[in-house]
Structures are given as structure tokens and as C-alpha cells.
N, C-alpha and C. Protein backbone atom coordinates (compact mmCIF):
# COMPACT_ATOMS: atom_id res chain seq x y z
N HIS A 1 14.68 128.40 -121.80
CA HIS A 1 13.85 127.09 -122.01
C HIS A 1 12.63 127.43 -121.04
N PRO A 2 11.53 127.50 -121.64
CA PRO A 2 10.36 127.74 -120.95
C PRO A 2 9.88 126.83 -119.80
N LEU A 3 10.28 125.65 -119.70
CA LEU A 3 9.99 124.58 -118.67
C LEU A 3 10.82 124.78 -117.42
N TRP A 4 12.13 125.34 -117.83
CA TRP A 4 13.01 125.63 -116.87
C TRP A 4 12.65 126.85 -116.03
N CYS A 5 12.15 127.88 -116.75
CA CYS A 5 11.73 129.08 -116.28
C CYS A 5 10.46 128.75 -115.32
N MET A 6 9.50 127.93 -115.68
CA MET A 6 8.48 127.56 -114.97
C MET A 6 8.69 126.76 -113.74
N GLU A 7 9.72 126.01 -113.82
CA GLU A 7 10.09 125.13 -112.63
C GLU A 7 10.76 126.03 -111.71
N SER A 8 11.50 127.06 -112.10
CA SER A 8 12.41 127.93 -111.27
C SER A 8 11.33 128.87 -110.61
N ALA A 9 10.28 129.29 -111.28
CA ALA A 9 9.36 130.14 -110.57
C ALA A 9 8.53 129.25 -109.44
N ILE A 10 8.34 128.07 -109.77
CA ILE A 10 7.61 127.35 -108.78
C ILE A 10 8.64 126.90 -107.49
N ASP A 11 9.74 126.79 -107.97
CA ASP A 11 10.91 126.72 -106.69
C ASP A 11 10.83 127.88 -105.90
N ILE A 12 10.73 129.18 -106.38
CA ILE A 12 10.88 130.30 -105.70
C ILE A 12 9.58 130.55 -104.75
N LEU A 13 8.36 130.16 -105.44
CA LEU A 13 7.27 130.13 -104.56
C LEU A 13 7.22 129.11 -103.38
N PHE A 14 8.00 128.02 -103.74
CA PHE A 14 7.85 126.83 -102.68
C PHE A 14 8.92 127.46 -101.53
N PHE A 15 10.08 128.05 -101.80
CA PHE A 15 11.02 128.76 -101.00
C PHE A 15 10.19 129.88 -100.02
N ILE A 16 9.50 130.63 -100.75
CA ILE A 16 8.70 131.70 -100.05
C ILE A 16 7.59 130.91 -99.09
N ASP A 17 7.07 129.77 -99.46
CA ASP A 17 6.09 128.95 -98.63
C ASP A 17 6.86 128.34 -97.31
N ILE A 18 8.13 128.00 -97.43
CA ILE A 18 8.92 127.57 -96.36
C ILE A 18 9.03 128.70 -95.40
N ILE A 19 9.45 129.83 -95.91
CA ILE A 19 9.61 130.99 -95.06
C ILE A 19 8.24 131.29 -94.27
N ILE A 20 7.15 131.36 -94.99
CA ILE A 20 5.84 131.48 -94.42
C ILE A 20 5.49 130.36 -93.41
N ASN A 21 5.92 129.12 -93.54
CA ASN A 21 5.59 128.16 -92.71
C ASN A 21 6.43 128.20 -91.41
N PHE A 22 7.43 128.97 -91.28
CA PHE A 22 8.15 129.16 -90.13
C PHE A 22 7.25 130.28 -89.25
N ARG A 23 6.50 131.00 -89.87
CA ARG A 23 5.93 132.21 -89.24
C ARG A 23 4.29 131.94 -89.07
N THR A 24 3.87 130.88 -89.46
CA THR A 24 2.36 130.59 -89.35
C THR A 24 2.03 129.80 -88.16
N ALA A 25 1.13 130.53 -87.37
CA ALA A 25 0.63 129.87 -86.13
C ALA A 25 -0.21 128.61 -86.41
N TYR A 26 -0.37 127.79 -85.52
CA TYR A 26 -1.27 126.58 -85.56
C TYR A 26 -1.92 126.27 -84.44
N LEU A 27 -2.92 125.42 -84.66
CA LEU A 27 -3.52 125.15 -83.40
C LEU A 27 -3.38 123.82 -82.97
N ASP A 28 -3.19 123.75 -81.53
CA ASP A 28 -2.76 122.55 -80.86
C ASP A 28 -3.79 122.35 -79.79
N GLU A 29 -4.73 121.34 -79.80
CA GLU A 29 -5.72 120.96 -78.89
C GLU A 29 -6.60 122.20 -78.49
N GLY A 30 -6.85 122.78 -79.64
CA GLY A 30 -7.73 124.02 -79.49
C GLY A 30 -7.07 125.39 -79.10
N LYS A 31 -5.74 125.39 -78.87
CA LYS A 31 -5.00 126.41 -78.56
C LYS A 31 -4.01 126.93 -79.48
N LEU A 32 -4.40 128.16 -80.02
CA LEU A 32 -3.56 128.88 -80.89
C LEU A 32 -1.97 129.00 -80.43
N ILE A 33 -1.04 128.43 -81.17
CA ILE A 33 0.38 128.48 -80.93
C ILE A 33 0.98 129.58 -81.74
N THR A 34 1.55 130.45 -81.21
CA THR A 34 2.33 131.56 -81.82
C THR A 34 3.65 131.80 -81.58
N SER A 35 4.23 131.05 -80.89
CA SER A 35 5.54 131.07 -80.34
C SER A 35 6.57 130.67 -81.56
N ASN A 36 7.44 131.41 -82.10
CA ASN A 36 8.25 131.25 -83.00
C ASN A 36 8.83 129.98 -82.96
N ARG A 37 9.49 129.70 -81.72
CA ARG A 37 10.42 128.46 -81.54
C ARG A 37 9.35 127.07 -81.59
N LEU A 38 8.17 127.39 -81.05
CA LEU A 38 7.46 126.14 -81.19
C LEU A 38 6.77 125.93 -82.70
N ILE A 39 6.54 127.04 -83.40
CA ILE A 39 6.23 126.72 -84.72
C ILE A 39 7.38 126.29 -85.61
N ALA A 40 8.60 126.92 -85.21
CA ALA A 40 9.69 126.23 -86.04
C ALA A 40 10.10 124.69 -85.68
N GLU A 41 9.96 124.45 -84.52
CA GLU A 41 10.14 122.96 -84.05
C GLU A 41 9.17 121.99 -84.85
N ARG A 42 7.81 122.41 -84.75
CA ARG A 42 6.83 121.53 -85.26
C ARG A 42 7.12 121.47 -86.72
N TYR A 43 7.34 122.54 -87.34
CA TYR A 43 7.47 122.46 -88.89
C TYR A 43 8.69 121.67 -89.24
N LEU A 44 9.94 121.77 -88.58
CA LEU A 44 10.97 121.07 -88.65
C LEU A 44 10.83 119.49 -88.56
N LYS A 45 9.87 119.26 -87.61
CA LYS A 45 9.51 117.73 -87.52
C LYS A 45 8.54 117.12 -88.44
N THR A 46 8.02 118.08 -89.20
CA THR A 46 6.95 117.58 -90.26
C THR A 46 7.36 117.88 -91.55
N TRP A 47 6.59 119.08 -92.32
CA TRP A 47 6.97 119.03 -93.45
C TRP A 47 7.98 119.72 -94.08
N PHE A 48 8.78 120.26 -93.17
CA PHE A 48 10.18 121.00 -93.71
C PHE A 48 11.15 120.27 -94.64
N TRP A 49 11.49 118.95 -94.15
CA TRP A 49 12.47 118.23 -95.21
C TRP A 49 11.86 117.84 -96.42
N ILE A 50 10.55 117.63 -96.61
CA ILE A 50 9.82 117.40 -97.82
C ILE A 50 9.83 118.74 -98.58
N ASP A 51 9.71 119.81 -97.94
CA ASP A 51 9.70 120.92 -98.74
C ASP A 51 10.94 121.43 -99.20
N ILE A 52 12.12 121.16 -98.36
CA ILE A 52 13.48 121.40 -98.84
C ILE A 52 13.91 120.50 -100.03
N ILE A 53 13.51 119.30 -100.07
CA ILE A 53 13.85 118.20 -101.02
C ILE A 53 13.11 118.75 -102.26
N SER A 54 11.82 119.35 -102.26
CA SER A 54 11.15 119.77 -103.34
C SER A 54 11.64 120.95 -104.09
N ILE A 55 12.54 121.74 -103.43
CA ILE A 55 13.05 122.95 -104.03
C ILE A 55 14.49 122.74 -104.50
N PHE A 56 14.96 121.72 -104.07
CA PHE A 56 16.50 121.31 -104.41
C PHE A 56 16.50 121.08 -105.97
N PRO A 57 17.31 122.00 -106.64
CA PRO A 57 17.50 121.79 -108.14
C PRO A 57 18.37 120.62 -108.46
N ILE A 58 17.76 119.46 -108.31
CA ILE A 58 18.57 118.18 -108.48
C ILE A 58 19.22 118.18 -110.07
N GLU A 59 18.29 118.70 -111.04
CA GLU A 59 18.69 118.71 -112.30
C GLU A 59 19.88 119.44 -112.62
N VAL A 60 20.44 120.15 -111.83
CA VAL A 60 21.73 120.89 -111.95
C VAL A 60 22.86 120.13 -111.57
N PHE A 61 22.61 119.26 -110.56
CA PHE A 61 23.82 118.36 -110.23
C PHE A 61 23.80 117.02 -110.76
N VAL A 62 23.04 116.48 -111.48
CA VAL A 62 22.89 115.18 -112.09
C VAL A 62 22.19 115.31 -113.47
N GLY A 63 22.68 114.21 -114.39
CA GLY A 63 22.09 114.25 -115.66
C GLY A 63 20.61 113.72 -115.60
N ALA A 64 20.00 113.89 -116.68
CA ALA A 64 18.69 113.43 -116.85
C ALA A 64 18.49 112.24 -117.32
N GLY A 65 19.65 111.29 -117.68
CA GLY A 65 19.69 109.97 -118.20
C GLY A 65 19.97 108.98 -117.14
N GLY A 66 20.01 107.90 -117.55
CA GLY A 66 20.31 106.64 -116.79
C GLY A 66 19.69 106.28 -115.57
N MET A 67 20.31 105.83 -114.58
CA MET A 67 19.40 105.40 -113.17
C MET A 67 18.99 106.63 -112.66
N LEU A 68 19.42 107.79 -112.80
CA LEU A 68 18.94 108.98 -112.09
C LEU A 68 17.61 109.50 -112.62
N THR A 69 17.20 108.96 -113.60
CA THR A 69 15.79 109.43 -114.09
C THR A 69 14.70 109.16 -113.20
N GLY A 70 14.76 107.98 -112.44
CA GLY A 70 13.81 107.67 -111.51
C GLY A 70 13.87 108.59 -110.24
N VAL A 71 14.97 109.20 -109.92
CA VAL A 71 15.27 110.15 -108.95
C VAL A 71 14.55 111.54 -109.25
N LEU A 72 14.89 111.84 -110.51
CA LEU A 72 14.29 113.10 -111.03
C LEU A 72 12.72 112.98 -110.93
N HIS A 73 12.26 111.86 -111.36
CA HIS A 73 10.82 111.79 -111.50
C HIS A 73 10.31 111.88 -110.05
N SER A 74 10.87 111.14 -109.01
CA SER A 74 10.43 111.23 -107.69
C SER A 74 10.47 112.71 -107.31
N VAL A 75 11.54 113.49 -107.63
CA VAL A 75 11.51 114.94 -107.30
C VAL A 75 10.53 115.77 -107.69
N ARG A 76 10.16 115.48 -109.26
CA ARG A 76 9.07 116.11 -109.77
C ARG A 76 7.61 115.95 -109.07
N MET A 77 7.58 114.63 -108.69
CA MET A 77 6.25 114.31 -108.08
C MET A 77 6.25 114.87 -106.59
N VAL A 78 7.16 115.08 -105.97
CA VAL A 78 7.19 115.75 -104.72
C VAL A 78 6.72 117.23 -105.15
N LYS A 79 7.33 117.68 -106.01
CA LYS A 79 7.12 119.35 -106.35
C LYS A 79 5.60 119.43 -106.94
N LEU A 80 5.03 118.31 -107.58
CA LEU A 80 3.67 118.54 -107.93
C LEU A 80 2.83 118.39 -106.74
N ALA A 81 3.05 117.51 -105.66
CA ALA A 81 2.38 117.41 -104.56
C ALA A 81 2.31 118.86 -103.70
N ARG A 82 3.46 119.27 -103.75
CA ARG A 82 3.76 120.73 -103.15
C ARG A 82 2.82 121.76 -103.70
N LEU A 83 2.78 121.68 -104.96
CA LEU A 83 2.16 122.58 -105.88
C LEU A 83 0.47 122.51 -105.62
N LEU A 84 0.12 121.31 -105.54
CA LEU A 84 -1.23 121.18 -105.08
C LEU A 84 -1.45 121.53 -103.65
N LYS A 85 -0.62 121.30 -102.85
CA LYS A 85 -0.77 121.84 -101.45
C LYS A 85 -0.86 123.52 -101.51
N LEU A 86 0.16 124.06 -102.26
CA LEU A 86 -0.12 125.58 -102.38
C LEU A 86 -1.19 126.07 -102.98
N VAL A 87 -1.98 125.48 -103.99
CA VAL A 87 -3.29 125.77 -104.58
C VAL A 87 -4.21 125.67 -103.34
N LYS A 88 -4.24 124.59 -102.58
CA LYS A 88 -5.27 124.42 -101.65
C LYS A 88 -5.09 125.72 -100.50
N MET A 89 -3.94 126.06 -100.30
CA MET A 89 -3.72 127.09 -99.27
C MET A 89 -4.25 128.43 -99.99
N ILE A 90 -4.04 128.66 -101.02
CA ILE A 90 -4.37 129.80 -101.76
C ILE A 90 -5.94 129.89 -101.71
N LYS A 91 -6.52 128.70 -101.94
CA LYS A 91 -8.05 128.63 -101.93
C LYS A 91 -8.54 128.94 -100.49
N LEU A 92 -7.73 128.23 -99.55
CA LEU A 92 -8.39 128.63 -98.14
C LEU A 92 -8.14 130.07 -97.68
N VAL A 93 -7.03 130.77 -98.23
CA VAL A 93 -6.81 132.23 -97.91
C VAL A 93 -7.98 133.00 -98.46
N ARG A 94 -8.48 132.65 -99.78
CA ARG A 94 -9.63 133.22 -100.44
C ARG A 94 -10.75 133.07 -99.66
N LEU A 95 -11.11 131.78 -99.07
CA LEU A 95 -12.28 131.51 -98.52
C LEU A 95 -12.36 132.42 -97.09
N MET A 96 -11.04 132.48 -96.42
CA MET A 96 -10.89 133.36 -94.94
C MET A 96 -11.30 134.62 -95.37
N LYS A 97 -11.09 135.14 -96.57
CA LYS A 97 -11.31 136.50 -96.79
C LYS A 97 -12.79 136.91 -96.88
N ILE A 98 -13.61 135.95 -97.29
CA ILE A 98 -14.99 136.09 -97.38
C ILE A 98 -15.77 136.34 -96.24
């Protein structure tokens, strides 16, 4: 099924993004933070849980009908938001190379 393949590919990209987020330094009050522990702590307190929910293959565990349709729609909306975030990150990386 083509839609399933596309969703699986997006989930794989999001999973890779999670790994990258655990290794990406950040600025804190003008100071570049490169400590793996501090990076992980910050990520776990911010986007990590949203990111994990977005790659959870909920369709495998629940049906697509009934009351769960709203849950599936919400998960797909989170995935769409993550996809837009990923596109923005790709654009930023391209700009940094110029």
C-alpha cells in the first residue's frame, strides 16, 4: 500500500531526527552547549515526547474506525507538524552551507 510505505518512510526519518536531536548542540544564553548529558536532558524536557508519539505506529495497534478515528487524526496531525519542522531544518542546513 503506497500510503503505508510513505508513512513508514516518514517514521524512519523522524526516528533518525530523534537520534540527531540527542547529539545536536544548542545555545543557552549565548553559550554553545555541547555536553551530551545536558543536550539529552534538554531534549527529554522539550520535544522528545512529542517526537516519540509522532513515530508510534498507532494504526498497527488500533482499528481505523469508531472512537479511535479522532486519536488517529491527532497522531497524523503531530506527524504533519513534525514533517514541517523537518523541512524547516533541511532549509536551515542548506542556508548554513552557503
